[in-house]
Amino acid sequence: MSDFSQSNIQNLLLRALAPEAVDLLQATMQPRDLPVQFELVAPDAPSETAYFLESGSASIVATNSRMPSVCSRGGAAA
C-alpha cells in the first residue's frame, strides 16, 4: 500500500495490530475504490481477499432454509 503508515489509517482493526503484524500485511495491501453494491464475497465460494474498510459501509447477508435472510451492516470508523 503506497504511503501506508499505521498512524494515518482509519480502520480500527489495523490500527490495533502490533507494528510487526502491520509490516507483514503491508506488502500485499493495496487501496481500492469499490463501487456501490460490490460483492465482497460470493455465496458458497472461498474468499481469497480480506477487505479492511477505511470509509463507507458494508453489509453481510446470511440465509438458511428455516429463516428469512438476516442482514448485518457495519461501517468504517470516521
N, C-alpha and C. Protein backbone atom coordinates (compact mmCIF):
# COMPACT_ATOMS: atom_id res chain seq x y z
N MET A 1 0.86 -1.18 0.00
CA MET A 1 0.00 0.00 0.00
C MET A 1 0.90 1.23 0.00
N SER A 2 0.77 2.08 -0.96
CA SER A 2 1.64 3.23 -1.06
C SER A 2 1.39 4.21 0.08
N ASP A 3 2.46 4.82 0.58
CA ASP A 3 2.38 5.79 1.68
C ASP A 3 1.57 5.25 2.85
N PHE A 4 1.75 3.99 3.15
CA PHE A 4 1.00 3.35 4.23
C PHE A 4 1.74 3.52 5.54
N SER A 5 1.05 4.06 6.51
CA SER A 5 1.60 4.20 7.85
C SER A 5 0.48 3.86 8.83
N GLN A 6 0.79 3.06 9.80
CA GLN A 6 -0.23 2.62 10.76
C GLN A 6 -0.87 3.81 11.47
N SER A 7 -0.15 4.89 11.62
CA SER A 7 -0.68 6.04 12.35
C SER A 7 -1.70 6.85 11.54
N ASN A 8 -1.72 6.71 10.20
CA ASN A 8 -2.67 7.51 9.43
C ASN A 8 -3.82 6.70 8.84
N ILE A 9 -4.00 5.45 9.23
CA ILE A 9 -5.12 4.67 8.74
C ILE A 9 -6.33 4.84 9.64
N GLN A 10 -7.51 4.65 9.09
CA GLN A 10 -8.76 4.84 9.83
C GLN A 10 -9.32 3.53 10.38
N ASN A 11 -8.99 2.41 9.78
CA ASN A 11 -9.54 1.13 10.18
C ASN A 11 -9.04 0.77 11.59
N LEU A 12 -9.98 0.59 12.52
CA LEU A 12 -9.61 0.36 13.92
C LEU A 12 -8.91 -0.97 14.14
N LEU A 13 -9.27 -1.98 13.37
CA LEU A 13 -8.60 -3.28 13.50
C LEU A 13 -7.13 -3.16 13.10
N LEU A 14 -6.86 -2.54 11.99
CA LEU A 14 -5.47 -2.38 11.55
C LEU A 14 -4.68 -1.50 12.51
N ARG A 15 -5.32 -0.48 13.05
CA ARG A 15 -4.62 0.41 13.99
C ARG A 15 -4.27 -0.31 15.29
N ALA A 16 -5.07 -1.31 15.66
CA ALA A 16 -4.84 -2.03 16.92
C ALA A 16 -3.76 -3.11 16.80
N LEU A 17 -3.38 -3.47 15.59
CA LEU A 17 -2.37 -4.52 15.42
C LEU A 17 -1.00 -4.07 15.88
N ALA A 18 -0.19 -5.02 16.27
CA ALA A 18 1.21 -4.72 16.59
C ALA A 18 1.91 -4.26 15.31
N PRO A 19 2.84 -3.34 15.42
CA PRO A 19 3.55 -2.85 14.22
C PRO A 19 4.16 -3.98 13.38
N GLU A 20 4.61 -5.04 14.03
CA GLU A 20 5.20 -6.16 13.29
C GLU A 20 4.15 -6.86 12.41
N ALA A 21 2.93 -6.97 12.91
CA ALA A 21 1.85 -7.59 12.14
C ALA A 21 1.48 -6.71 10.95
N VAL A 22 1.44 -5.41 11.16
CA VAL A 22 1.14 -4.48 10.06
C VAL A 22 2.22 -4.58 8.99
N ASP A 23 3.47 -4.69 9.41
CA ASP A 23 4.57 -4.82 8.45
C ASP A 23 4.39 -6.05 7.56
N LEU A 24 3.93 -7.16 8.14
CA LEU A 24 3.70 -8.38 7.37
C LEU A 24 2.58 -8.20 6.34
N LEU A 25 1.53 -7.50 6.73
CA LEU A 25 0.40 -7.28 5.83
C LEU A 25 0.68 -6.24 4.75
N GLN A 26 1.50 -5.28 5.08
CA GLN A 26 1.72 -4.13 4.21
C GLN A 26 2.16 -4.50 2.80
N ALA A 27 2.96 -5.52 2.65
CA ALA A 27 3.48 -5.89 1.33
C ALA A 27 2.38 -6.30 0.37
N THR A 28 1.26 -6.80 0.88
CA THR A 28 0.20 -7.28 0.00
C THR A 28 -1.03 -6.38 -0.01
N MET A 29 -1.02 -5.33 0.79
CA MET A 29 -2.18 -4.45 0.85
C MET A 29 -2.15 -3.44 -0.28
N GLN A 30 -3.35 -3.12 -0.79
CA GLN A 30 -3.46 -2.10 -1.83
C GLN A 30 -4.81 -1.40 -1.69
N PRO A 31 -4.81 -0.08 -1.86
CA PRO A 31 -6.08 0.66 -1.74
C PRO A 31 -6.97 0.36 -2.95
N ARG A 32 -8.26 0.32 -2.70
CA ARG A 32 -9.23 0.07 -3.76
C ARG A 32 -10.45 0.95 -3.53
N ASP A 33 -10.96 1.52 -4.60
CA ASP A 33 -12.25 2.19 -4.56
C ASP A 33 -13.26 1.18 -5.08
N LEU A 34 -14.22 0.83 -4.25
CA LEU A 34 -15.21 -0.18 -4.62
C LEU A 34 -16.52 0.47 -5.01
N PRO A 35 -17.15 -0.01 -6.08
CA PRO A 35 -18.43 0.57 -6.48
C PRO A 35 -19.55 0.18 -5.52
N VAL A 36 -20.63 0.93 -5.55
CA VAL A 36 -21.80 0.62 -4.74
C VAL A 36 -22.30 -0.77 -5.12
N GLN A 37 -22.70 -1.53 -4.13
CA GLN A 37 -23.21 -2.91 -4.26
C GLN A 37 -22.16 -3.88 -4.79
N PHE A 38 -20.90 -3.59 -4.57
CA PHE A 38 -19.83 -4.51 -4.93
C PHE A 38 -19.93 -5.75 -4.06
N GLU A 39 -19.84 -6.92 -4.65
CA GLU A 39 -19.94 -8.18 -3.90
C GLU A 39 -18.55 -8.55 -3.38
N LEU A 40 -18.36 -8.41 -2.08
CA LEU A 40 -17.07 -8.71 -1.47
C LEU A 40 -16.76 -10.20 -1.49
N VAL A 41 -17.76 -11.01 -1.21
CA VAL A 41 -17.60 -12.47 -1.18
C VAL A 41 -18.83 -13.09 -1.84
N ALA A 42 -18.59 -13.98 -2.78
CA ALA A 42 -19.70 -14.66 -3.46
C ALA A 42 -20.22 -15.79 -2.57
N PRO A 43 -21.52 -16.04 -2.63
CA PRO A 43 -22.09 -17.13 -1.83
C PRO A 43 -21.47 -18.48 -2.20
N ASP A 44 -21.21 -19.29 -1.20
CA ASP A 44 -20.68 -20.65 -1.39
C ASP A 44 -19.37 -20.69 -2.16
N ALA A 45 -18.58 -19.65 -2.05
CA ALA A 45 -17.27 -19.60 -2.72
C ALA A 45 -16.21 -19.21 -1.71
N PRO A 46 -15.04 -19.81 -1.80
CA PRO A 46 -13.97 -19.41 -0.87
C PRO A 46 -13.51 -17.98 -1.16
N SER A 47 -13.12 -17.28 -0.14
CA SER A 47 -12.63 -15.92 -0.30
C SER A 47 -11.12 -15.91 -0.19
N GLU A 48 -10.48 -15.30 -1.14
CA GLU A 48 -9.02 -15.21 -1.12
C GLU A 48 -8.55 -13.79 -0.79
N THR A 49 -9.50 -12.90 -0.50
CA THR A 49 -9.19 -11.50 -0.25
C THR A 49 -9.81 -11.05 1.06
N ALA A 50 -9.08 -10.25 1.81
CA ALA A 50 -9.62 -9.61 3.01
C ALA A 50 -9.74 -8.12 2.73
N TYR A 51 -10.86 -7.54 3.09
CA TYR A 51 -11.09 -6.12 2.89
C TYR A 51 -11.09 -5.42 4.24
N PHE A 52 -10.33 -4.35 4.36
CA PHE A 52 -10.29 -3.52 5.57
C PHE A 52 -10.81 -2.15 5.16
N LEU A 53 -12.08 -1.87 5.48
CA LEU A 53 -12.69 -0.62 5.04
C LEU A 53 -12.09 0.57 5.76
N GLU A 54 -11.76 1.58 5.00
CA GLU A 54 -11.28 2.85 5.54
C GLU A 54 -12.42 3.86 5.61
N SER A 55 -13.40 3.72 4.74
CA SER A 55 -14.58 4.59 4.76
C SER A 55 -15.73 3.85 4.10
N GLY A 56 -16.93 4.34 4.32
CA GLY A 56 -18.11 3.70 3.75
C GLY A 56 -18.66 2.63 4.66
N SER A 57 -19.48 1.76 4.10
CA SER A 57 -20.09 0.70 4.89
C SER A 57 -20.25 -0.56 4.04
N ALA A 58 -20.48 -1.67 4.72
CA ALA A 58 -20.69 -2.95 4.06
C ALA A 58 -21.75 -3.71 4.84
N SER A 59 -22.38 -4.66 4.19
CA SER A 59 -23.35 -5.49 4.89
C SER A 59 -23.10 -6.95 4.56
N ILE A 60 -23.51 -7.81 5.49
CA ILE A 60 -23.39 -9.25 5.32
C ILE A 60 -24.80 -9.82 5.36
N VAL A 61 -25.15 -10.60 4.37
CA VAL A 61 -26.47 -11.21 4.33
C VAL A 61 -26.30 -12.71 4.48
N ALA A 62 -26.99 -13.29 5.46
CA ALA A 62 -26.92 -14.73 5.71
C ALA A 62 -28.31 -15.32 5.55
N THR A 63 -28.38 -16.47 4.93
CA THR A 63 -29.67 -17.15 4.76
C THR A 63 -29.53 -18.61 5.15
N ASN A 64 -30.64 -19.21 5.51
CA ASN A 64 -30.69 -20.66 5.70
C ASN A 64 -32.10 -21.12 5.36
N SER A 65 -32.33 -22.40 5.38
CA SER A 65 -33.61 -22.94 4.92
C SER A 65 -34.76 -22.68 5.90
N ARG A 66 -34.46 -22.36 7.15
CA ARG A 66 -35.51 -22.19 8.16
C ARG A 66 -35.90 -20.75 8.42
N MET A 67 -35.06 -19.81 8.04
CA MET A 67 -35.32 -18.42 8.36
C MET A 67 -35.13 -17.55 7.12
N PRO A 68 -35.82 -16.40 7.09
CA PRO A 68 -35.55 -15.46 6.01
C PRO A 68 -34.14 -14.88 6.16
N SER A 69 -33.70 -14.14 5.19
CA SER A 69 -32.33 -13.61 5.23
C SER A 69 -32.16 -12.64 6.40
N VAL A 70 -30.96 -12.61 6.91
CA VAL A 70 -30.59 -11.73 8.01
C VAL A 70 -29.46 -10.84 7.50
N CYS A 71 -29.57 -9.56 7.76
CA CYS A 71 -28.57 -8.62 7.26
C CYS A 71 -27.88 -7.93 8.43
N SER A 72 -26.56 -7.88 8.38
CA SER A 72 -25.77 -7.18 9.38
C SER A 72 -24.99 -6.09 8.66
N ARG A 73 -25.13 -4.87 9.12
CA ARG A 73 -24.44 -3.76 8.46
C ARG A 73 -23.36 -3.20 9.39
N GLY A 74 -22.27 -2.81 8.76
CA GLY A 74 -21.18 -2.21 9.52
C GLY A 74 -20.55 -1.11 8.71
N GLY A 75 -19.95 -0.18 9.37
CA GLY A 75 -19.30 0.92 8.69
C GLY A 75 -17.89 1.11 9.18
N ALA A 76 -17.13 1.82 8.39
CA ALA A 76 -15.75 2.11 8.76
C ALA A 76 -15.74 3.24 9.78
N ALA A 77 -14.68 3.26 10.56
CA ALA A 77 -14.54 4.33 11.55
C ALA A 77 -14.36 5.67 10.84
N ALA A 78 -14.90 6.69 11.42
CA ALA A 78 -14.79 8.03 10.81
C ALA A 78 -13.54 8.72 11.26
